Amino acid sequence: MGDKEVYVELPSDLPEEWKEKGKVCKLIKFLYGQVNAPRVWYKTLSTFLLDYGFEQAGYDGCTYIMKDKNSEPLLIL
């Protein structure tokens, strides 16, 4: 459902000048409460960490390592 377009009714407390009959709001990010929310969150976090320079550990897909020759390795679990 994370790839579907989701529309909701306009909030009832909007100023009258903003309301038009038949108008709805399109949600840009629809994630909360969805069955696939953990998967989408993991994919987002994983993409960020990999883009930032971390490498995914071969022994555990949920462990990310950044190796820097000038300092200790950084681990994110």
Protein backbone atom coordinates (compact mmCIF):
# COMPACT_ATOMS: atom_id res chain seq x y z
CA MET A 1 0.00 0.00 0.00
CA GLY A 2 3.02 2.30 0.32
CA ASP A 3 3.06 2.78 -3.47
CA LYS A 4 -0.64 3.61 -3.81
CA GLU A 5 -2.03 7.12 -3.91
CA VAL A 6 -4.05 7.87 -0.78
CA TYR A 7 -6.57 10.69 -0.42
CA VAL A 8 -8.32 11.92 2.73
CA GLU A 9 -11.12 14.36 3.40
CA LEU A 10 -10.18 17.92 4.27
CA PRO A 11 -9.88 18.57 8.01
CA SER A 12 -13.09 20.04 9.44
CA ASP A 13 -11.25 22.92 11.13
CA LEU A 14 -9.88 24.43 7.90
CA PRO A 15 -10.80 28.08 7.29
CA GLU A 16 -13.92 28.35 5.09
CA GLU A 17 -12.03 30.15 2.31
CA TRP A 18 -9.81 27.05 1.87
CA LYS A 19 -12.72 24.66 1.53
CA GLU A 20 -14.20 23.81 -1.85
CA LYS A 21 -16.91 21.25 -2.40
CA GLY A 22 -15.50 17.89 -3.44
CA LYS A 23 -11.86 18.70 -2.66
CA VAL A 24 -9.63 16.16 -0.89
CA CYS A 25 -6.03 16.04 0.31
CA LYS A 26 -3.48 13.75 -1.31
CA LEU A 27 -1.10 12.24 1.23
CA ILE A 28 2.54 12.55 0.21
CA LYS A 29 3.80 10.00 2.72
CA PHE A 30 1.45 7.20 3.72
CA LEU A 31 3.10 4.78 6.09
CA TYR A 32 1.76 4.86 9.63
CA GLY A 33 -0.29 1.83 10.57
CA GLN A 34 0.38 -0.13 7.39
CA VAL A 35 1.33 -3.80 7.36
CA ASN A 36 4.43 -3.07 5.29
CA ALA A 37 5.52 -0.06 7.40
CA PRO A 38 8.51 -1.88 8.97
CA ARG A 39 9.73 -3.01 5.55
CA VAL A 40 9.43 0.49 4.08
CA TRP A 41 11.19 1.98 7.13
CA TYR A 42 14.02 -0.58 6.88
CA LYS A 43 14.45 0.10 3.14
CA THR A 44 14.58 3.87 3.79
CA LEU A 45 17.13 3.50 6.60
CA SER A 46 19.21 0.98 4.65
CA THR A 47 19.36 3.24 1.59
CA PHE A 48 20.42 6.20 3.74
CA LEU A 49 23.18 4.24 5.51
CA LEU A 50 24.53 2.77 2.26
CA ASP A 51 24.51 6.21 0.60
CA TYR A 52 26.32 7.62 3.65
CA GLY A 53 29.16 5.13 3.20
CA PHE A 54 28.22 2.23 5.45
CA GLU A 55 28.50 -1.35 4.19
CA GLN A 56 26.01 -4.05 5.03
CA ALA A 57 27.63 -6.89 6.99
CA GLY A 58 27.63 -10.21 5.16
CA TYR A 59 26.80 -12.14 8.31
CA ASP A 60 23.79 -10.02 9.34
CA GLY A 61 21.64 -7.91 7.02
CA CYS A 62 20.66 -5.62 9.90
CA THR A 63 24.26 -4.67 10.76
CA TYR A 64 26.03 -1.84 8.97
CA ILE A 65 29.74 -1.07 9.25
CA MET A 66 31.72 1.97 8.24
CA LYS A 67 35.44 1.37 8.09
CA ASP A 68 37.76 4.34 8.26
CA LYS A 69 41.51 3.84 8.30
CA ASN A 70 41.94 6.77 10.68
CA SER A 71 39.54 5.59 13.39
CA GLU A 72 37.72 2.64 14.89
CA PRO A 73 35.02 0.99 12.75
CA LEU A 74 31.49 2.29 13.33
CA LEU A 75 28.76 -0.30 13.79
CA ILE A 76 25.04 0.31 13.53
CA LEU A 77 22.79 -2.55 14.58
